[in-house]
C-alpha atoms as a PDB file:
ATOM      1  CA  MET A   1      70.762 160.062  -1.406  1.00  0.00           C
ATOM      2  CA  SER A   2      70.140 163.749  -1.593  1.00  0.00           C
ATOM      3  CA  GLY A   3      71.132 166.110   1.152  1.00  0.00           C
ATOM      4  CA  ALA A   4      67.619 166.527   2.145  1.00  0.00           C
ATOM      5  CA  GLU A   5      67.136 162.672   2.238  1.00  0.00           C
ATOM      6  CA  ARG A   6      70.214 162.380   4.514  1.00  0.00           C
ATOM      7  CA  ILE A   7      68.935 165.086   6.970  1.00  0.00           C
ATOM      8  CA  ALA A   8      65.544 163.251   7.171  1.00  0.00           C
ATOM      9  CA  ILE A   9      67.054 159.996   8.034  1.00  0.00           C
ATOM     10  CA  SER A  10      69.312 161.582  10.494  1.00  0.00           C
ATOM     11  CA  ALA A  11      66.378 163.363  12.133  1.00  0.00           C
ATOM     12  CA  ALA A  12      64.566 160.137  12.338  1.00  0.00           C
ATOM     13  CA  ILE A  13      67.484 158.210  13.883  1.00  0.00           C
ATOM     14  CA  GLY A  14      68.246 161.020  16.410  1.00  0.00           C
ATOM     15  CA  GLY A  15      64.487 161.132  17.539  1.00  0.00           C
ATOM     16  CA  THR A  16      64.292 157.350  17.786  1.00  0.00           C
ATOM     17  CA  ALA A  17      67.564 157.375  19.788  1.00  0.00           C
ATOM     18  CA  GLU A  18      66.452 160.079  22.112  1.00  0.00           C
ATOM     19  CA  ALA A  19      62.986 158.396  22.604  1.00  0.00           C
ATOM     20  CA  LEU A  20      64.705 155.063  23.498  1.00  0.00           C
ATOM     21  CA  GLY A  21      66.856 156.998  26.102  1.00  0.00           C
ATOM     22  CA  GLY A  22      63.862 158.318  27.748  1.00  0.00           C
ATOM     23  CA  GLY A  23      63.722 161.909  26.108  1.00  0.00           C
ATOM     24  CA  LYS A  24      61.562 163.719  23.793  1.00  0.00           C
ATOM     25  CA  PHE A  25      61.675 162.473  19.945  1.00  0.00           C
ATOM     26  CA  ALA A  26      61.543 166.094  18.716  1.00  0.00           C
ATOM     27  CA  ASN A  27      64.652 167.162  20.654  1.00  0.00           C
ATOM     28  CA  GLY A  28      66.620 164.167  19.369  1.00  0.00           C
ATOM     29  CA  ALA A  29      65.257 164.785  15.742  1.00  0.00           C
ATOM     30  CA  VAL A  30      66.538 168.317  15.718  1.00  0.00           C
ATOM     31  CA  THR A  31      69.765 167.249  17.034  1.00  0.00           C
ATOM     32  CA  GLY A  32      70.267 164.558  14.395  1.00  0.00           C
ATOM     33  CA  ALA A  33      69.124 166.782  11.510  1.00  0.00           C
ATOM     34  CA  TYR A  34      71.850 169.550  12.668  1.00  0.00           C
ATOM     35  CA  VAL A  35      74.467 167.086  13.051  1.00  0.00           C
ATOM     36  CA  MET A  36      74.005 166.005   9.597  1.00  0.00           C
ATOM     37  CA  ALA A  37      73.624 169.591   8.196  1.00  0.00           C
ATOM     38  CA  LEU A  38      76.597 171.218  10.050  1.00  0.00           C
ATOM     39  CA  ASN A  39      79.018 168.342  10.427  1.00  0.00           C
ATOM     40  CA  HIS A  40      78.671 165.975   7.480  1.00  0.00           C
ATOM     41  CA  MET A  41      77.344 168.058   4.682  1.00  0.00           C
ATOM     42  CA  MET A  42      79.463 170.646   2.800  1.00  0.00           C
ATOM     43  CA  HIS A  43      78.639 174.443   2.759  1.00  0.00           C
ATOM     44  CA  SER A  44      80.708 175.500  -0.199  1.00  0.00           C
ATOM     45  CA  ASP A  45      78.734 176.061  -3.498  1.00  0.00           C
ATOM     46  CA  LYS A  46      81.552 173.846  -5.013  1.00  0.00           C
ATOM     47  CA  TRP A  47      80.264 170.674  -3.333  1.00  0.00           C
ATOM     48  CA  HIS A  48      77.583 168.477  -5.481  1.00  0.00           C
ATOM     49  CA  PRO A  49      75.296 166.186  -4.094  1.00  0.00           C
ATOM     50  CA  THR A  50      75.811 163.420  -6.740  1.00  0.00           C
ATOM     51  CA  ARG A  51      78.756 162.359  -9.143  1.00  0.00           C
ATOM     52  CA  GLY A  52      76.559 163.285 -11.988  1.00  0.00           C
ATOM     53  CA  GLU A  53      76.060 166.986 -11.000  1.00  0.00           C
ATOM     54  CA  ALA A  54      79.836 167.354 -10.408  1.00  0.00           C
ATOM     55  CA  ALA A  55      80.673 165.630 -13.682  1.00  0.00           C
ATOM     56  CA  GLU A  56      78.167 167.894 -15.524  1.00  0.00           C
ATOM     57  CA  ALA A  57      79.770 171.009 -13.939  1.00  0.00           C
ATOM     58  CA  THR A  58      83.144 170.190 -14.778  1.00  0.00           C
ATOM     59  CA  SER A  59      82.712 168.567 -18.249  1.00  0.00           C
ATOM     60  CA  THR A  60      80.730 171.778 -19.238  1.00  0.00           C
ATOM     61  CA  ARG A  61      83.623 174.038 -17.936  1.00  0.00           C
ATOM     62  CA  THR A  62      86.063 172.064 -20.125  1.00  0.00           C
ATOM     63  CA  GLU A  63      83.731 172.329 -22.987  1.00  0.00           C
ATOM     64  CA  THR A  64      83.185 176.013 -22.617  1.00  0.00           C
ATOM     65  CA  THR A  65      86.834 177.132 -21.892  1.00  0.00           C
ATOM     66  CA  GLY A  66      88.635 174.465 -23.658  1.00  0.00           C
ATOM     67  CA  ASN A  67      90.770 174.092 -20.416  1.00  0.00           C
ATOM     68  CA  GLU A  68      90.776 170.871 -18.268  1.00  0.00           C
ATOM     69  CA  ALA A  69      88.681 170.867 -15.268  1.00  0.00           C
ATOM     70  CA  SER A  70      88.306 168.447 -12.341  1.00  0.00           C
ATOM     71  CA  TYR A  71      86.287 167.269  -9.411  1.00  0.00           C
ATOM     72  CA  LEU A  72      87.486 165.474  -6.344  1.00  0.00           C
ATOM     73  CA  VAL A  73      85.977 162.692  -4.592  1.00  0.00           C
ATOM     74  CA  TYR A  74      85.895 162.187  -0.834  1.00  0.00           C
ATOM     75  CA  ILE A  75      84.662 159.539   1.431  1.00  0.00           C
ATOM     76  CA  ASP A  76      83.482 159.811   5.182  1.00  0.00           C
ATOM     77  CA  GLU A  77      83.800 157.160   7.896  1.00  0.00           C
ATOM     78  CA  CYS A  78      80.741 155.590   6.809  1.00  0.00           C
ATOM     79  CA  GLY A  79      81.837 155.235   3.081  1.00  0.00           C
ATOM     80  CA  ASP A  80      79.622 158.084   1.707  1.00  0.00           C
ATOM     81  CA  GLU A  81      81.095 159.938  -1.013  1.00  0.00           C
ATOM     82  CA  TYR A  82      81.358 163.599  -1.508  1.00  0.00           C
ATOM     83  CA  TYR A  83      82.036 165.366  -4.645  1.00  0.00           C
ATOM     84  CA  TRP A  84      83.966 168.715  -4.848  1.00  0.00           C
ATOM     85  CA  GLU A  85      84.296 170.836  -8.042  1.00  0.00           C
ATOM     86  CA  VAL A  86      87.797 172.063  -8.123  1.00  0.00           C
ATOM     87  CA  PRO A  87      87.652 175.887  -8.880  1.00  0.00           C
ATOM     88  CA  ALA A  88      89.184 177.266 -12.135  1.00  0.00           C
ATOM     89  CA  ASP A  89      92.974 178.273 -11.663  1.00  0.00           C
ATOM     90  CA  PRO A  90      94.314 180.737 -14.031  1.00  0.00           C
ATOM     91  CA  ARG A  91      97.150 178.331 -14.903  1.00  0.00           C
ATOM     92  CA  ASP A  92      94.784 175.849 -16.179  1.00  0.00           C
ATOM     93  CA  GLY A  93      94.882 175.139 -19.972  1.00  0.00           C
ATOM     94  CA  PRO A  94      93.896 172.687 -22.585  1.00  0.00           C
ATOM     95  CA  GLY A  95      96.370 169.936 -21.290  1.00  0.00           C
ATOM     96  CA  VAL A  96      96.581 170.616 -17.514  1.00  0.00           C
ATOM     97  CA  ALA A  97      94.496 171.425 -14.708  1.00  0.00           C
ATOM     98  CA  TYR A  98      95.664 172.638 -11.129  1.00  0.00           C
ATOM     99  CA  PHE A  99      93.824 171.277  -8.303  1.00  0.00           C
ATOM    100  CA  SER A 100      93.370 172.578  -4.845  1.00  0.00           C
ATOM    101  CA  ARG A 101      91.733 170.899  -1.968  1.00  0.00           C
ATOM    102  CA  PRO A 102      88.633 172.278  -0.145  1.00  0.00           C
ATOM    103  CA  GLU A 103      88.977 173.926   3.349  1.00  0.00           C
ATOM    104  CA  ASP A 104      85.852 172.285   4.549  1.00  0.00           C
ATOM    105  CA  ALA A 105      86.779 168.753   4.102  1.00  0.00           C
ATOM    106  CA  ARG A 106      87.367 167.694   7.656  1.00  0.00           C
ATOM    107  CA  GLY A 107      86.893 164.214   8.608  1.00  0.00           C
ATOM    108  CA  LEU A 108      86.782 163.298   4.708  1.00  0.00           C
ATOM    109  CA  THR A 109      89.490 161.110   2.964  1.00  0.00           C
ATOM    110  CA  LEU A 110      90.416 162.003  -0.719  1.00  0.00           C
ATOM    111  CA  VAL A 111      90.071 158.919  -2.792  1.00  0.00           C
ATOM    112  CA  GLU A 112      89.811 160.033  -6.515  1.00  0.00           C
ATOM    113  CA  ASN A 113      90.562 162.947  -8.769  1.00  0.00           C
ATOM    114  CA  TYR A 114      88.425 162.955 -12.017  1.00  0.00           C
ATOM    115  CA  HIS A 115      89.352 165.600 -14.563  1.00  0.00           C
ATOM    116  CA  TYR A 116      88.103 166.344 -18.183  1.00  0.00           C
ATOM    117  CA  SER A 117      89.845 167.487 -21.316  1.00  0.00           C
ATOM    118  CA  LYS A 118      88.921 168.323 -24.890  1.00  0.00           C
ATOM    119  CA  ASP A 119      89.124 165.651 -27.581  1.00  0.00           C
ATOM    120  CA  ILE A 120      91.775 167.428 -29.677  1.00  0.00           C
ATOM    121  CA  ILE A 121      94.526 169.803 -28.069  1.00  0.00           C
ATOM    122  CA  THR A 122      97.386 171.908 -29.509  1.00  0.00           C
ATOM    123  CA  ASP A 123     100.850 171.784 -27.591  1.00  0.00           C
ATOM    124  CA  GLN A 124     103.031 174.572 -27.328  1.00  0.00           C
ATOM    125  CA  ALA A 125     104.888 173.775 -30.455  1.00  0.00           C
ATOM    126  CA  GLY A 126     101.607 174.102 -32.468  1.00  0.00           C
ATOM    127  CA  ASN A 127     101.133 170.269 -33.009  1.00  0.00           C
ATOM    128  CA  THR A 128      97.730 169.077 -32.595  1.00  0.00           C
ATOM    129  CA  GLY A 129      96.586 165.608 -31.468  1.00  0.00           C
ATOM    130  CA  ARG A 130      94.026 163.583 -29.456  1.00  0.00           C
ATOM    131  CA  THR A 131      94.949 163.530 -25.739  1.00  0.00           C
ATOM    132  CA  LYS A 132      94.661 160.805 -23.295  1.00  0.00           C
ATOM    133  CA  GLY A 133      96.000 160.590 -19.678  1.00  0.00           C
ATOM    134  CA  SER A 134      99.679 161.427 -19.044  1.00  0.00           C
ATOM    135  CA  TYR A 135     102.590 160.470 -16.956  1.00  0.00           C
ATOM    136  CA  LEU A 136     101.522 163.337 -14.616  1.00  0.00           C
ATOM    137  CA  ASP A 137      98.130 161.476 -14.072  1.00  0.00           C
ATOM    138  CA  TRP A 138     100.176 158.631 -12.785  1.00  0.00           C
ATOM    139  CA  GLN A 139     102.371 160.635 -10.669  1.00  0.00           C
ATOM    140  CA  LEU A 140      99.317 162.144  -8.983  1.00  0.00           C
ATOM    141  CA  ALA A 141      97.699 158.689  -8.404  1.00  0.00           C
ATOM    142  CA  ARG A 142     101.171 157.541  -6.875  1.00  0.00           C
ATOM    143  CA  ASP A 143     101.972 160.809  -4.845  1.00  0.00           C
ATOM    144  CA  TYR A 144      98.332 160.985  -3.313  1.00  0.00           C
ATOM    145  CA  ASN A 145      97.611 157.221  -3.464  1.00  0.00           C
ATOM    146  CA  ILE A 146      94.308 157.803  -5.184  1.00  0.00           C
ATOM    147  CA  LYS A 147      92.667 156.603  -8.193  1.00  0.00           C
ATOM    148  CA  VAL A 148      92.919 159.399 -11.037  1.00  0.00           C
ATOM    149  CA  THR A 149      90.593 159.194 -13.953  1.00  0.00           C
ATOM    150  CA  HIS A 150      91.330 161.260 -17.143  1.00  0.00           C
ATOM    151  CA  HIS A 151      88.227 161.904 -19.370  1.00  0.00           C
ATOM    152  CA  THR A 152      88.816 163.042 -23.010  1.00  0.00           C
ATOM    153  CA  LEU A 153      85.413 164.466 -24.107  1.00  0.00           C
ATOM    154  CA  GLY A 154      84.111 162.420 -27.017  1.00  0.00           C
ATOM    155  CA  VAL A 155      86.969 159.990 -26.891  1.00  0.00           C
ATOM    156  CA  GLY A 156      87.102 157.970 -23.720  1.00  0.00           C
ATOM    157  CA  MET A 157      88.571 157.791 -20.105  1.00  0.00           C
ATOM    158  CA  TRP A 158      91.722 156.291 -18.645  1.00  0.00           C
ATOM    159  CA  ILE A 159      92.035 155.268 -15.187  1.00  0.00           C
ATOM    160  CA  PHE A 160      95.350 155.492 -13.209  1.00  0.00           C
ATOM    161  CA  LYS A 161      95.795 153.738  -9.792  1.00  0.00           C
ATOM    162  CA  PRO A 162      98.584 153.931  -7.323  1.00  0.00           C
ATOM    163  CA  SER A 163     101.619 151.850  -8.353  1.00  0.00           C
ATOM    164  CA  VAL A 164     105.174 151.878  -7.784  1.00  0.00           C
ATOM    165  CA  PHE A 165     106.058 151.555 -11.329  1.00  0.00           C
ATOM    166  CA  PHE A 166     104.547 153.509 -14.079  1.00  0.00           C
ATOM    167  CA  GLN A 167     102.248 151.224 -16.336  1.00  0.00           C
ATOM    168  CA  GLN A 168      99.712 151.821 -19.143  1.00  0.00           C
ATOM    169  CA  PRO A 169      96.294 153.015 -17.721  1.00  0.00           C
ATOM    170  CA  ILE A 170      93.339 151.050 -18.050  1.00  0.00           C
ATOM    171  CA  SER A 171      91.487 152.676 -20.945  1.00  0.00           C
ATOM    172  CA  PHE A 172      87.780 152.767 -21.680  1.00  0.00           C
ATOM    173  CA  LEU A 173      87.358 153.212 -25.447  1.00  0.00           C
ATOM    174  CA  PHE A 174      85.462 152.205 -28.490  1.00  0.00           C
ATOM    175  CA  ASP A 175      88.226 152.385 -30.947  1.00  0.00           C
ATOM    176  CA  ARG A 176      91.776 152.372 -29.934  1.00  0.00           C
ATOM    177  CA  LYS A 177      93.129 153.626 -33.393  1.00  0.00           C
ATOM    178  CA  LEU A 178      91.445 157.023 -32.828  1.00  0.00           C
ATOM    179  CA  LEU A 179      93.903 157.738 -30.237  1.00  0.00           C
ATOM    180  CA  GLY A 180      97.431 159.454 -30.345  1.00  0.00           C
ATOM    181  CA  TRP A 181      99.463 159.871 -27.186  1.00  0.00           C
ATOM    182  CA  ASP A 182      99.377 162.921 -25.111  1.00  0.00           C
ATOM    183  CA  LEU A 183     101.541 165.584 -26.932  1.00  0.00           C
ATOM    184  CA  ARG A 184     103.510 166.837 -23.835  1.00  0.00           C
ATOM    185  CA  ASN A 185     103.846 163.739 -21.885  1.00  0.00           C
ATOM    186  CA  PRO A 186     103.811 160.623 -24.143  1.00  0.00           C
ATOM    187  CA  ILE A 187     102.797 157.163 -22.560  1.00  0.00           C
ATOM    188  CA  LYS A 188     105.055 154.619 -23.732  1.00  0.00           C
ATOM    189  CA  PRO A 189     103.898 150.882 -23.212  1.00  0.00           C
ATOM    190  CA  THR A 190     105.731 148.806 -20.626  1.00  0.00           C
ATOM    191  CA  HIS A 191     107.352 145.633 -21.773  1.00  0.00           C
END
């Protein structure tokens, strides 16, 4: 639901609860709307109402700058998802994105880091290749106990889930032969 829809539903619920309790519907509706707007919706311009909008903003930034970009997925106590675009960091590069957490995420739980990279990168030694998720993605999933999705534009995406031992990520590709391993942190199959 959009933010306006959530506020409208909260107003209706608040008004109904107030009326059932013997008060005025309008008073409850106003209170319900304010509670949703101030306590549950985010004020930062980096929050997006849908996953699609967060994905569009971060993938566009990767296409434009060549650097990795990411958004974080949070859930609240009701299971509703919130999407926060991680601001660009001066240390970001073609093979790395630093992430910071929003200050206004009180009451929300981080559940996923979704980041984008270009389809071909050049490492520090001048070697070029296609990139997929790295060992660092697995470390992030393990350390934060979250799902980490690495999306290489034009190639595919890899999902890392928290695990004690490093393992190959789940991949979503059309043709596995197109892929070389990440140039800086090669992923080796576990046997």
